[in-house]
Amino acid sequence: MTEDLQRPLNGVELNRLALVLDEGERAVGYAFTEGMLVAIASAPSAISPHEWLAWVLPDQEWGSKDEYAAVIYPLIRLLNSLYAGLGQGEISLWTRIDDDSELVLWCIGYLAGVDLDPIWSGTPVFGAPSLKPWRSAAGELPPREALGCSLDDLREQLPAAVMDMHAFWLEWRLAGEDPDDHRPIHSIRIGRNEPCPCGSGRKYKHCCRA
């Protein structure tokens, strides 16, 4: 049966995904991943799964197609849920932003998503909301207090700030030539001659596609 990539994750599935993302020496963590996916769902450019999966699951090796699907499909479903929520004017965070370390990690992930977009991370676009609160929380700027933005301040501002950022880039995209470049992901397309995402080192056509 084909995986329904539009189906929201339930609590059990989210817990299972979080465990995978939080395990291992090179794990980036669920909070980082969720922050990155929220940015990707708002970005001015469409960012392919292959670009952000390299961050979320670095050097990951898969034992089987089922093992690969058990992680990749929930990630795509999570991203699609974020697309849907932002499109309806709301943001639903599973990350415990009342925890300082998780909030910081979430912001670092969001900025990693920003960096994946050459428009967002390049020459500033006139009128775009500032990323200073995120950068301050992530430790990329002088102490937060110097900007008048403590973690508690950011915690309160985050939902509205995320929605403002999403709204700005949505309007920017709608004013461009391709307003539909942020549609939900219905399938993961991998070129036949690309390296297989399972980490085997073989071409996709000779591995998981076979």
N, C-alpha and C. Protein backbone atom coordinates (compact mmCIF):
# COMPACT_ATOMS: atom_id res chain seq x y z
N MET A 1 0.85 -1.20 0.00
CA MET A 1 0.00 0.00 0.00
C MET A 1 0.88 1.25 0.00
N THR A 2 0.51 2.24 -0.79
CA THR A 2 1.27 3.47 -0.88
C THR A 2 1.10 4.29 0.40
N GLU A 3 2.20 4.81 0.90
CA GLU A 3 2.15 5.63 2.12
C GLU A 3 1.40 6.92 1.86
N ASP A 4 0.47 7.27 2.75
CA ASP A 4 -0.27 8.52 2.66
C ASP A 4 0.57 9.61 3.31
N LEU A 5 1.27 10.40 2.49
CA LEU A 5 2.18 11.41 3.01
C LEU A 5 1.47 12.66 3.52
N GLN A 6 0.15 12.73 3.33
CA GLN A 6 -0.62 13.86 3.84
C GLN A 6 -1.20 13.58 5.22
N ARG A 7 -1.09 12.35 5.69
CA ARG A 7 -1.69 11.98 6.98
C ARG A 7 -0.84 12.50 8.14
N PRO A 8 -1.43 13.27 9.05
CA PRO A 8 -0.66 13.79 10.20
C PRO A 8 -0.14 12.64 11.06
N LEU A 9 0.97 12.87 11.71
CA LEU A 9 1.53 11.88 12.63
C LEU A 9 0.74 11.90 13.93
N ASN A 10 0.53 10.72 14.50
CA ASN A 10 -0.08 10.68 15.83
C ASN A 10 1.01 10.72 16.89
N GLY A 11 0.61 10.74 18.15
CA GLY A 11 1.57 10.86 19.23
C GLY A 11 2.59 9.75 19.28
N VAL A 12 2.15 8.54 19.03
CA VAL A 12 3.06 7.39 19.05
C VAL A 12 4.10 7.52 17.94
N GLU A 13 3.65 7.92 16.76
CA GLU A 13 4.57 8.07 15.62
C GLU A 13 5.57 9.20 15.86
N LEU A 14 5.10 10.29 16.46
CA LEU A 14 6.01 11.40 16.77
C LEU A 14 7.06 10.98 17.79
N ASN A 15 6.63 10.24 18.81
CA ASN A 15 7.59 9.75 19.80
C ASN A 15 8.64 8.86 19.17
N ARG A 16 8.20 7.98 18.27
CA ARG A 16 9.12 7.06 17.60
C ARG A 16 10.12 7.82 16.73
N LEU A 17 9.62 8.82 16.00
CA LEU A 17 10.49 9.64 15.16
C LEU A 17 11.48 10.42 16.01
N ALA A 18 11.02 10.99 17.11
CA ALA A 18 11.90 11.76 17.98
C ALA A 18 13.02 10.89 18.54
N LEU A 19 12.72 9.66 18.88
CA LEU A 19 13.74 8.75 19.40
C LEU A 19 14.83 8.51 18.37
N VAL A 20 14.42 8.33 17.11
CA VAL A 20 15.40 8.10 16.04
C VAL A 20 16.28 9.34 15.86
N LEU A 21 15.66 10.51 15.87
CA LEU A 21 16.39 11.75 15.62
C LEU A 21 17.27 12.16 16.80
N ASP A 22 16.97 11.65 17.99
CA ASP A 22 17.74 12.02 19.18
C ASP A 22 18.85 11.04 19.50
N GLU A 23 18.89 9.91 18.78
CA GLU A 23 19.87 8.86 19.08
C GLU A 23 21.14 9.02 18.24
N GLY A 24 22.24 8.51 18.75
CA GLY A 24 23.49 8.47 17.99
C GLY A 24 24.37 9.69 18.19
N GLU A 25 25.66 9.49 17.97
CA GLU A 25 26.63 10.56 18.19
C GLU A 25 26.42 11.74 17.24
N ARG A 26 25.95 11.47 16.01
CA ARG A 26 25.79 12.53 15.02
C ARG A 26 24.34 12.99 14.89
N ALA A 27 23.50 12.55 15.83
CA ALA A 27 22.09 12.93 15.76
C ALA A 27 21.92 14.42 15.99
N VAL A 28 21.09 15.07 15.19
CA VAL A 28 20.86 16.51 15.34
C VAL A 28 19.73 16.79 16.32
N GLY A 29 18.88 15.81 16.56
CA GLY A 29 17.80 15.97 17.53
C GLY A 29 16.49 16.38 16.89
N TYR A 30 15.38 16.03 17.58
CA TYR A 30 14.07 16.36 17.05
C TYR A 30 13.86 17.87 17.00
N ALA A 31 14.25 18.60 18.06
CA ALA A 31 14.00 20.04 18.10
C ALA A 31 14.67 20.75 16.92
N PHE A 32 15.92 20.38 16.63
CA PHE A 32 16.63 20.94 15.47
C PHE A 32 15.85 20.64 14.19
N THR A 33 15.43 19.39 14.04
CA THR A 33 14.73 18.98 12.83
C THR A 33 13.43 19.73 12.64
N GLU A 34 12.66 19.86 13.71
CA GLU A 34 11.38 20.57 13.60
C GLU A 34 11.61 22.04 13.23
N GLY A 35 12.62 22.67 13.85
CA GLY A 35 12.93 24.06 13.50
C GLY A 35 13.30 24.20 12.04
N MET A 36 14.13 23.28 11.55
CA MET A 36 14.54 23.32 10.14
C MET A 36 13.33 23.13 9.22
N LEU A 37 12.46 22.20 9.54
CA LEU A 37 11.31 21.95 8.67
C LEU A 37 10.32 23.11 8.68
N VAL A 38 10.18 23.81 9.81
CA VAL A 38 9.31 25.00 9.83
C VAL A 38 9.87 26.07 8.90
N ALA A 39 11.20 26.24 8.92
CA ALA A 39 11.83 27.20 8.01
C ALA A 39 11.62 26.78 6.55
N ILE A 40 11.82 25.51 6.26
CA ILE A 40 11.66 25.01 4.90
C ILE A 40 10.23 25.20 4.40
N ALA A 41 9.26 25.03 5.31
CA ALA A 41 7.86 25.21 4.93
C ALA A 41 7.52 26.66 4.68
N SER A 42 8.39 27.58 5.09
CA SER A 42 8.15 29.01 4.90
C SER A 42 9.07 29.66 3.88
N ALA A 43 10.09 28.95 3.45
CA ALA A 43 11.18 29.54 2.66
C ALA A 43 10.71 30.11 1.32
N PRO A 44 11.44 31.09 0.79
CA PRO A 44 11.09 31.64 -0.52
C PRO A 44 11.30 30.68 -1.67
N SER A 45 12.16 29.69 -1.51
CA SER A 45 12.41 28.70 -2.55
C SER A 45 11.95 27.33 -2.09
N ALA A 46 11.63 26.47 -3.05
CA ALA A 46 11.30 25.08 -2.73
C ALA A 46 12.60 24.32 -2.49
N ILE A 47 12.73 23.68 -1.33
CA ILE A 47 13.94 22.96 -0.97
C ILE A 47 13.64 21.46 -1.01
N SER A 48 14.39 20.73 -1.80
CA SER A 48 14.10 19.31 -1.98
C SER A 48 14.45 18.52 -0.73
N PRO A 49 13.77 17.38 -0.51
CA PRO A 49 14.07 16.54 0.66
C PRO A 49 15.53 16.12 0.71
N HIS A 50 16.15 15.90 -0.45
CA HIS A 50 17.54 15.42 -0.46
C HIS A 50 18.49 16.45 0.14
N GLU A 51 18.11 17.73 0.06
CA GLU A 51 18.96 18.78 0.62
C GLU A 51 18.90 18.78 2.15
N TRP A 52 17.69 18.70 2.70
CA TRP A 52 17.60 18.77 4.16
C TRP A 52 17.82 17.43 4.85
N LEU A 53 17.61 16.32 4.14
CA LEU A 53 17.87 15.01 4.75
C LEU A 53 19.35 14.83 5.07
N ALA A 54 20.22 15.47 4.28
CA ALA A 54 21.65 15.38 4.54
C ALA A 54 22.01 16.02 5.88
N TRP A 55 21.20 16.98 6.32
CA TRP A 55 21.40 17.60 7.62
C TRP A 55 20.77 16.78 8.74
N VAL A 56 19.56 16.34 8.49
CA VAL A 56 18.79 15.65 9.53
C VAL A 56 19.35 14.27 9.84
N LEU A 57 19.80 13.56 8.80
CA LEU A 57 20.31 12.19 8.98
C LEU A 57 21.69 12.08 8.33
N PRO A 58 22.69 12.75 8.88
CA PRO A 58 24.03 12.73 8.27
C PRO A 58 24.66 11.35 8.31
N ASP A 59 25.17 10.91 7.16
CA ASP A 59 25.89 9.63 7.06
C ASP A 59 25.07 8.44 7.56
N GLN A 60 23.75 8.55 7.45
CA GLN A 60 22.89 7.47 7.91
C GLN A 60 22.95 6.28 6.96
N GLU A 61 23.10 5.09 7.52
CA GLU A 61 23.07 3.87 6.72
C GLU A 61 21.82 3.08 7.10
N TRP A 62 21.18 2.52 6.09
CA TRP A 62 19.92 1.82 6.31
C TRP A 62 20.11 0.33 6.05
N GLY A 63 19.50 -0.46 6.91
CA GLY A 63 19.63 -1.90 6.76
C GLY A 63 18.68 -2.48 5.74
N SER A 64 17.60 -1.77 5.44
CA SER A 64 16.60 -2.28 4.50
C SER A 64 15.72 -1.13 4.01
N LYS A 65 14.93 -1.41 2.97
CA LYS A 65 13.98 -0.42 2.47
C LYS A 65 12.97 -0.05 3.56
N ASP A 66 12.52 -1.05 4.32
CA ASP A 66 11.52 -0.79 5.36
C ASP A 66 12.08 0.12 6.45
N GLU A 67 13.34 -0.08 6.80
CA GLU A 67 13.98 0.76 7.81
C GLU A 67 14.07 2.20 7.33
N TYR A 68 14.42 2.35 6.05
CA TYR A 68 14.50 3.68 5.44
C TYR A 68 13.13 4.34 5.43
N ALA A 69 12.12 3.62 4.98
CA ALA A 69 10.76 4.17 4.87
C ALA A 69 10.20 4.54 6.23
N ALA A 70 10.56 3.77 7.27
CA ALA A 70 10.02 4.00 8.61
C ALA A 70 10.47 5.33 9.19
N VAL A 71 11.53 5.92 8.65
CA VAL A 71 12.00 7.22 9.12
C VAL A 71 11.67 8.33 8.12
N ILE A 72 11.91 8.06 6.83
CA ILE A 72 11.72 9.09 5.82
C ILE A 72 10.25 9.49 5.68
N TYR A 73 9.36 8.53 5.62
CA TYR A 73 7.95 8.86 5.44
C TYR A 73 7.39 9.70 6.60
N PRO A 74 7.69 9.35 7.85
CA PRO A 74 7.22 10.23 8.94
C PRO A 74 7.79 11.64 8.86
N LEU A 75 9.03 11.78 8.40
CA LEU A 75 9.61 13.12 8.25
C LEU A 75 8.85 13.93 7.21
N ILE A 76 8.53 13.30 6.08
CA ILE A 76 7.77 13.99 5.04
C ILE A 76 6.37 14.34 5.55
N ARG A 77 5.76 13.43 6.28
CA ARG A 77 4.43 13.71 6.83
C ARG A 77 4.48 14.85 7.84
N LEU A 78 5.55 14.91 8.63
CA LEU A 78 5.71 16.03 9.57
C LEU A 78 5.83 17.34 8.80
N LEU A 79 6.65 17.36 7.76
CA LEU A 79 6.81 18.58 6.96
C LEU A 79 5.48 18.99 6.34
N ASN A 80 4.74 18.03 5.80
CA ASN A 80 3.46 18.36 5.19
C ASN A 80 2.47 18.91 6.22
N SER A 81 2.52 18.40 7.46
CA SER A 81 1.65 18.92 8.51
C SER A 81 2.01 20.36 8.84
N LEU A 82 3.31 20.66 8.82
CA LEU A 82 3.75 22.04 9.07
C LEU A 82 3.31 22.96 7.93
N TYR A 83 3.43 22.48 6.68
CA TYR A 83 2.91 23.23 5.53
C TYR A 83 1.44 23.59 5.76
N ALA A 84 0.67 22.56 6.12
CA ALA A 84 -0.78 22.75 6.26
C ALA A 84 -1.10 23.72 7.39
N GLY A 85 -0.43 23.57 8.52
CA GLY A 85 -0.69 24.46 9.65
C GLY A 85 -0.34 25.90 9.35
N LEU A 86 0.83 26.13 8.76
CA LEU A 86 1.24 27.49 8.42
C LEU A 86 0.28 28.09 7.40
N GLY A 87 -0.20 27.26 6.48
CA GLY A 87 -1.14 27.74 5.48
C GLY A 87 -2.47 28.15 6.08
N GLN A 88 -2.78 27.59 7.26
CA GLN A 88 -4.03 27.93 7.94
C GLN A 88 -3.83 28.98 9.03
N GLY A 89 -2.60 29.54 9.07
CA GLY A 89 -2.32 30.60 10.02
C GLY A 89 -2.01 30.14 11.42
N GLU A 90 -1.49 28.93 11.56
CA GLU A 90 -1.16 28.44 12.89
C GLU A 90 0.12 27.62 12.86
N ILE A 91 0.78 27.53 13.98
CA ILE A 91 1.98 26.73 14.08
C ILE A 91 1.84 25.81 15.29
N SER A 92 2.03 24.53 15.05
CA SER A 92 1.92 23.54 16.11
C SER A 92 3.30 22.94 16.34
N LEU A 93 3.88 23.23 17.52
CA LEU A 93 5.22 22.75 17.84
C LEU A 93 5.15 21.60 18.83
N TRP A 94 5.83 20.51 18.48
CA TRP A 94 5.95 19.41 19.41
C TRP A 94 7.17 19.60 20.30
N THR A 95 8.10 20.42 19.85
CA THR A 95 9.28 20.74 20.66
C THR A 95 8.85 21.45 21.94
N ARG A 96 9.48 21.09 23.05
CA ARG A 96 9.18 21.72 24.33
C ARG A 96 9.94 23.04 24.42
N ILE A 97 9.33 24.10 23.90
CA ILE A 97 10.03 25.38 23.88
C ILE A 97 10.10 26.02 25.26
N ASP A 98 9.44 25.39 26.26
CA ASP A 98 9.62 25.86 27.64
C ASP A 98 10.97 25.40 28.20
N ASP A 99 11.62 24.49 27.48
CA ASP A 99 12.96 24.03 27.84
C ASP A 99 13.98 24.87 27.07
N ASP A 100 14.86 25.57 27.79
CA ASP A 100 15.81 26.48 27.13
C ASP A 100 16.66 25.79 26.08
N SER A 101 17.18 24.60 26.40
CA SER A 101 18.08 23.91 25.47
C SER A 101 17.33 23.50 24.20
N GLU A 102 16.09 23.07 24.33
CA GLU A 102 15.31 22.68 23.15
C GLU A 102 14.95 23.90 22.32
N LEU A 103 14.64 25.01 22.99
CA LEU A 103 14.32 26.24 22.26
C LEU A 103 15.53 26.70 21.44
N VAL A 104 16.71 26.68 22.05
CA VAL A 104 17.92 27.08 21.35
C VAL A 104 18.18 26.16 20.16
N LEU A 105 18.04 24.85 20.39
CA LEU A 105 18.27 23.88 19.31
C LEU A 105 17.26 24.08 18.18
N TRP A 106 16.02 24.39 18.54
CA TRP A 106 14.98 24.65 17.53
C TRP A 106 15.39 25.84 16.67
N CYS A 107 15.87 26.90 17.31
CA CYS A 107 16.28 28.11 16.57
C CYS A 107 17.48 27.83 15.67
N ILE A 108 18.42 27.02 16.16
CA ILE A 108 19.57 26.65 15.34
C ILE A 108 19.10 25.88 14.10
N GLY A 109 18.15 24.98 14.29
CA GLY A 109 17.60 24.23 13.17
C GLY A 109 16.89 25.14 12.18
N TYR A 110 16.14 26.10 12.70
CA TYR A 110 15.44 27.05 11.82
C TYR A 110 16.44 27.80 10.95
N LEU A 111 17.52 28.25 11.56
CA LEU A 111 18.54 28.98 10.81
C LEU A 111 19.25 28.09 9.80
N ALA A 112 19.39 26.81 10.12
CA ALA A 112 19.98 25.87 9.15
C ALA A 112 19.06 25.74 7.94
N GLY A 113 17.74 25.78 8.17
CA GLY A 113 16.80 25.77 7.06
C GLY A 113 16.90 27.03 6.23
N VAL A 114 17.08 28.18 6.90
CA VAL A 114 17.28 29.45 6.19
C VAL A 114 18.51 29.36 5.29
N ASP A 115 19.58 28.78 5.82
CA ASP A 115 20.85 28.70 5.06
C ASP A 115 20.75 27.81 3.83
N LEU A 116 19.74 26.93 3.79
CA LEU A 116 19.57 26.08 2.63
C LEU A 116 18.95 26.83 1.45
N ASP A 117 18.41 28.01 1.71
CA ASP A 117 17.75 28.79 0.67
C ASP A 117 18.65 29.95 0.26
N PRO A 118 19.16 29.98 -0.97
CA PRO A 118 20.07 31.05 -1.39
C PRO A 118 19.44 32.43 -1.40
N ILE A 119 18.12 32.49 -1.57
CA ILE A 119 17.44 33.80 -1.55
C ILE A 119 17.35 34.31 -0.11
N TRP A 120 16.94 33.44 0.78
CA TRP A 120 16.74 33.83 2.17
C TRP A 120 18.08 34.16 2.85
N SER A 121 19.10 33.36 2.54
CA SER A 121 20.39 33.53 3.20
C SER A 121 21.32 34.48 2.45
N GLY A 122 20.90 34.95 1.27
CA GLY A 122 21.74 35.83 0.46
C GLY A 122 21.52 37.30 0.75
N THR A 123 21.55 38.09 -0.28
CA THR A 123 21.34 39.54 -0.12
C THR A 123 19.97 39.80 0.48
N PRO A 124 19.88 40.56 1.56
CA PRO A 124 18.58 40.80 2.22
C PRO A 124 17.52 41.32 1.26
N VAL A 125 16.33 40.78 1.37
CA VAL A 125 15.20 41.24 0.57
C VAL A 125 14.50 42.36 1.33
N PHE A 126 14.22 43.43 0.64
CA PHE A 126 13.62 44.60 1.28
C PHE A 126 12.32 44.22 1.98
N GLY A 127 12.22 44.61 3.25
CA GLY A 127 11.00 44.39 4.01
C GLY A 127 10.92 43.07 4.73
N ALA A 128 11.87 42.17 4.51
CA ALA A 128 11.82 40.85 5.16
C ALA A 128 12.01 41.01 6.66
N PRO A 129 11.23 40.29 7.46
CA PRO A 129 11.40 40.35 8.92
C PRO A 129 12.82 39.94 9.32
N SER A 130 13.30 40.52 10.40
CA SER A 130 14.65 40.26 10.86
C SER A 130 14.79 38.87 11.49
N LEU A 131 15.94 38.27 11.26
CA LEU A 131 16.27 36.98 11.87
C LEU A 131 17.09 37.16 13.15
N LYS A 132 17.25 38.39 13.60
CA LYS A 132 18.10 38.64 14.76
C LYS A 132 17.69 37.86 16.01
N PRO A 133 16.39 37.76 16.32
CA PRO A 133 16.03 36.97 17.52
C PRO A 133 16.51 35.52 17.43
N TRP A 134 16.34 34.91 16.26
CA TRP A 134 16.79 33.53 16.07
C TRP A 134 18.32 33.44 16.21
N ARG A 135 19.00 34.38 15.55
CA ARG A 135 20.47 34.35 15.57
C ARG A 135 21.02 34.61 16.97
N SER A 136 20.33 35.46 17.71
CA SER A 136 20.77 35.73 19.07
C SER A 136 20.57 34.49 19.95
N ALA A 137 19.41 33.86 19.84
CA ALA A 137 19.13 32.65 20.62
C ALA A 137 20.12 31.54 20.29
N ALA A 138 20.54 31.48 19.02
CA ALA A 138 21.46 30.43 18.58
C ALA A 138 22.91 30.74 18.92
N GLY A 139 23.16 31.94 19.49
CA GLY A 139 24.51 32.29 19.87
C GLY A 139 25.34 32.86 18.75
N GLU A 140 24.71 33.25 17.63
CA GLU A 140 25.46 33.80 16.50
C GLU A 140 25.71 35.29 16.63
N LEU A 141 25.02 35.93 17.61
CA LEU A 141 25.16 37.37 17.81
C LEU A 141 25.61 37.62 19.26
N PRO A 142 25.89 38.87 19.61
CA PRO A 142 26.22 39.18 21.00
C PRO A 142 25.11 38.72 21.94
N PRO A 143 25.35 38.77 23.23
CA PRO A 143 24.35 38.28 24.19
C PRO A 143 22.94 38.77 23.88
N ARG A 144 21.98 37.90 24.10
CA ARG A 144 20.58 38.23 23.80
C ARG A 144 20.15 39.53 24.47
N GLU A 145 20.63 39.72 25.70
CA GLU A 145 20.21 40.91 26.44
C GLU A 145 20.62 42.19 25.72
N ALA A 146 21.74 42.13 24.96
CA ALA A 146 22.20 43.31 24.23
C ALA A 146 21.20 43.71 23.15
N LEU A 147 20.43 42.74 22.70
CA LEU A 147 19.41 43.02 21.69
C LEU A 147 18.04 43.23 22.33
N GLY A 148 18.02 43.17 23.66
CA GLY A 148 16.74 43.32 24.34
C GLY A 148 15.84 42.12 24.10
N CYS A 149 16.44 40.95 23.93
CA CYS A 149 15.65 39.75 23.61
C CYS A 149 16.19 38.56 24.41
N SER A 150 15.58 38.27 25.52
CA SER A 150 15.96 37.11 26.32
C SER A 150 15.28 35.87 25.75
N LEU A 151 15.67 34.71 26.24
CA LEU A 151 15.02 33.48 25.79
C LEU A 151 13.53 33.50 26.14
N ASP A 152 13.21 34.06 27.29
CA ASP A 152 11.79 34.16 27.67
C ASP A 152 11.03 35.06 26.70
N ASP A 153 11.68 36.15 26.29
CA ASP A 153 11.05 37.03 25.30
C ASP A 153 10.80 36.28 23.99
N LEU A 154 11.85 35.57 23.54
CA LEU A 154 11.74 34.85 22.28
C LEU A 154 10.68 33.76 22.37
N ARG A 155 10.61 33.13 23.51
CA ARG A 155 9.62 32.06 23.71
C ARG A 155 8.21 32.59 23.50
N GLU A 156 7.97 33.79 23.99
CA GLU A 156 6.65 34.40 23.83
C GLU A 156 6.42 34.90 22.41
N GLN A 157 7.47 35.38 21.78
CA GLN A 157 7.35 35.97 20.45
C GLN A 157 7.37 34.95 19.32
N LEU A 158 7.88 33.76 19.60
CA LEU A 158 8.17 32.80 18.54
C LEU A 158 6.98 32.48 17.63
N PRO A 159 5.83 32.09 18.16
CA PRO A 159 4.72 31.76 17.25
C PRO A 159 4.36 32.89 16.29
N ALA A 160 4.25 34.12 16.82
CA ALA A 160 3.89 35.25 15.95
C ALA A 160 5.02 35.57 14.98
N ALA A 161 6.28 35.46 15.45
CA ALA A 161 7.42 35.75 14.57
C ALA A 161 7.48 34.76 13.42
N VAL A 162 7.24 33.49 13.71
CA VAL A 162 7.25 32.47 12.67
C VAL A 162 6.15 32.74 11.64
N MET A 163 4.96 33.10 12.13
CA MET A 163 3.86 33.37 11.21
C MET A 163 4.13 34.61 10.37
N ASP A 164 4.75 35.64 10.97
CA ASP A 164 5.09 36.85 10.21
C ASP A 164 6.09 36.51 9.10
N MET A 165 7.09 35.68 9.44
CA MET A 165 8.09 35.30 8.45
C MET A 165 7.44 34.50 7.32
N HIS A 166 6.57 33.57 7.70
CA HIS A 166 5.88 32.75 6.69
C HIS A 166 5.02 33.63 5.79
N ALA A 167 4.29 34.57 6.40
CA ALA A 167 3.40 35.44 5.62
C ALA A 167 4.18 36.31 4.64
N PHE A 168 5.34 36.82 5.08
CA PHE A 168 6.13 37.67 4.20
C PHE A 168 6.60 36.88 2.97
N TRP A 169 7.18 35.69 3.20
CA TRP A 169 7.72 34.94 2.06
C TRP A 169 6.61 34.35 1.19
N LEU A 170 5.46 34.09 1.79
CA LEU A 170 4.32 33.62 0.98
C LEU A 170 3.90 34.72 0.02
N GLU A 171 3.77 35.94 0.53
CA GLU A 171 3.39 37.07 -0.34
C GLU A 171 4.47 37.29 -1.41
N TRP A 172 5.72 37.15 -1.02
CA TRP A 172 6.83 37.31 -1.96
C TRP A 172 6.75 36.27 -3.07
N ARG A 173 6.44 35.02 -2.70
CA ARG A 173 6.33 33.97 -3.72
C ARG A 173 5.14 34.21 -4.64
N LEU A 174 4.02 34.62 -4.05
CA LEU A 174 2.82 34.85 -4.85
C LEU A 174 3.01 35.99 -5.85
N ALA A 175 3.93 36.87 -5.53
CA ALA A 175 4.21 37.99 -6.45
C ALA A 175 5.16 37.57 -7.56
N GLY A 176 5.74 36.37 -7.45
CA GLY A 176 6.68 35.90 -8.45
C GLY A 176 6.01 35.12 -9.56
N GLU A 177 6.82 34.41 -10.31
CA GLU A 177 6.32 33.70 -11.48
C GLU A 177 5.81 32.30 -11.17
N ASP A 178 6.21 31.75 -10.03
CA ASP A 178 5.82 30.37 -9.72
C ASP A 178 5.23 30.30 -8.32
N PRO A 179 3.96 30.70 -8.15
CA PRO A 179 3.36 30.74 -6.82
C PRO A 179 3.10 29.36 -6.23
N ASP A 180 3.21 28.30 -7.03
CA ASP A 180 2.87 26.95 -6.55
C ASP A 180 4.10 26.11 -6.23
N ASP A 181 5.24 26.76 -5.97
CA ASP A 181 6.45 25.97 -5.75
C ASP A 181 6.57 25.41 -4.34
N HIS A 182 5.54 25.63 -3.49
CA HIS A 182 5.56 25.12 -2.13
C HIS A 182 4.36 24.20 -1.88
N ARG A 183 4.09 23.35 -2.82
CA ARG A 183 2.99 22.41 -2.63
C ARG A 183 3.44 21.26 -1.75
N PRO A 184 2.51 20.59 -1.05
CA PRO A 184 2.88 19.44 -0.22
C PRO A 184 3.60 18.38 -1.04
N ILE A 185 4.43 17.60 -0.36
CA ILE A 185 5.19 16.54 -1.03
C ILE A 185 4.33 15.27 -1.06
N HIS A 186 4.04 14.79 -2.26
CA HIS A 186 3.24 13.59 -2.40
C HIS A 186 4.10 12.35 -2.60
N SER A 187 5.31 12.54 -3.04
CA SER A 187 6.22 11.41 -3.23
C SER A 187 7.65 11.94 -3.21
N ILE A 188 8.59 11.03 -2.98
CA ILE A 188 10.00 11.39 -2.99
C ILE A 188 10.60 10.91 -4.29
N ARG A 189 11.02 11.83 -5.13
CA ARG A 189 11.58 11.46 -6.43
C ARG A 189 13.10 11.41 -6.35
N ILE A 190 13.65 10.30 -6.75
CA ILE A 190 15.10 10.12 -6.74
C ILE A 190 15.51 9.67 -8.14
N GLY A 191 16.48 10.34 -8.73
CA GLY A 191 16.97 9.96 -10.05
C GLY A 191 17.54 8.55 -10.05
N ARG A 192 17.30 7.82 -11.13
CA ARG A 192 17.74 6.43 -11.20
C ARG A 192 19.24 6.29 -11.01
N ASN A 193 20.00 7.27 -11.46
CA ASN A 193 21.45 7.19 -11.39
C ASN A 193 22.05 7.93 -10.20
N GLU A 194 21.18 8.46 -9.33
CA GLU A 194 21.68 9.12 -8.12
C GLU A 194 22.07 8.06 -7.09
N PRO A 195 22.97 8.42 -6.14
CA PRO A 195 23.30 7.49 -5.07
C PRO A 195 22.05 7.13 -4.28
N CYS A 196 21.91 5.89 -3.92
CA CYS A 196 20.72 5.46 -3.19
C CYS A 196 20.72 6.10 -1.80
N PRO A 197 19.58 6.67 -1.37
CA PRO A 197 19.52 7.33 -0.06
C PRO A 197 19.67 6.37 1.11
N CYS A 198 19.66 5.08 0.87
CA CYS A 198 19.81 4.12 1.96
C CYS A 198 21.24 4.06 2.47
N GLY A 199 22.17 4.69 1.73
CA GLY A 199 23.56 4.74 2.18
C GLY A 199 24.41 3.57 1.73
N SER A 200 23.91 2.77 0.81
CA SER A 200 24.65 1.59 0.36
C SER A 200 25.86 1.94 -0.50
N GLY A 201 25.83 3.14 -1.11
CA GLY A 201 26.89 3.53 -2.02
C GLY A 201 26.62 3.15 -3.46
N ARG A 202 25.57 2.37 -3.69
CA ARG A 202 25.20 1.98 -5.05
C ARG A 202 24.21 2.97 -5.65
N LYS A 203 24.05 2.93 -6.97
CA LYS A 203 23.06 3.77 -7.62
C LYS A 203 21.66 3.32 -7.21
N TYR A 204 20.75 4.29 -7.19
CA TYR A 204 19.37 4.01 -6.77
C TYR A 204 18.73 2.91 -7.60
N LYS A 205 19.01 2.91 -8.93
CA LYS A 205 18.36 1.93 -9.81
C LYS A 205 18.83 0.51 -9.51
N HIS A 206 20.01 0.37 -8.92
CA HIS A 206 20.54 -0.95 -8.62
C HIS A 206 20.34 -1.35 -7.16
N CYS A 207 19.66 -0.47 -6.40
CA CYS A 207 19.51 -0.75 -4.98
C CYS A 207 18.02 -0.75 -4.59
N CYS A 208 17.58 0.27 -3.84
CA CYS A 208 16.22 0.26 -3.33
C CYS A 208 15.14 0.37 -4.41
N ARG A 209 15.51 0.90 -5.59
CA ARG A 209 14.52 0.98 -6.67
C ARG A 209 14.32 -0.36 -7.35
N ALA A 210 15.29 -1.26 -7.19
CA ALA A 210 15.23 -2.54 -7.89
C ALA A 210 14.06 -3.38 -7.39
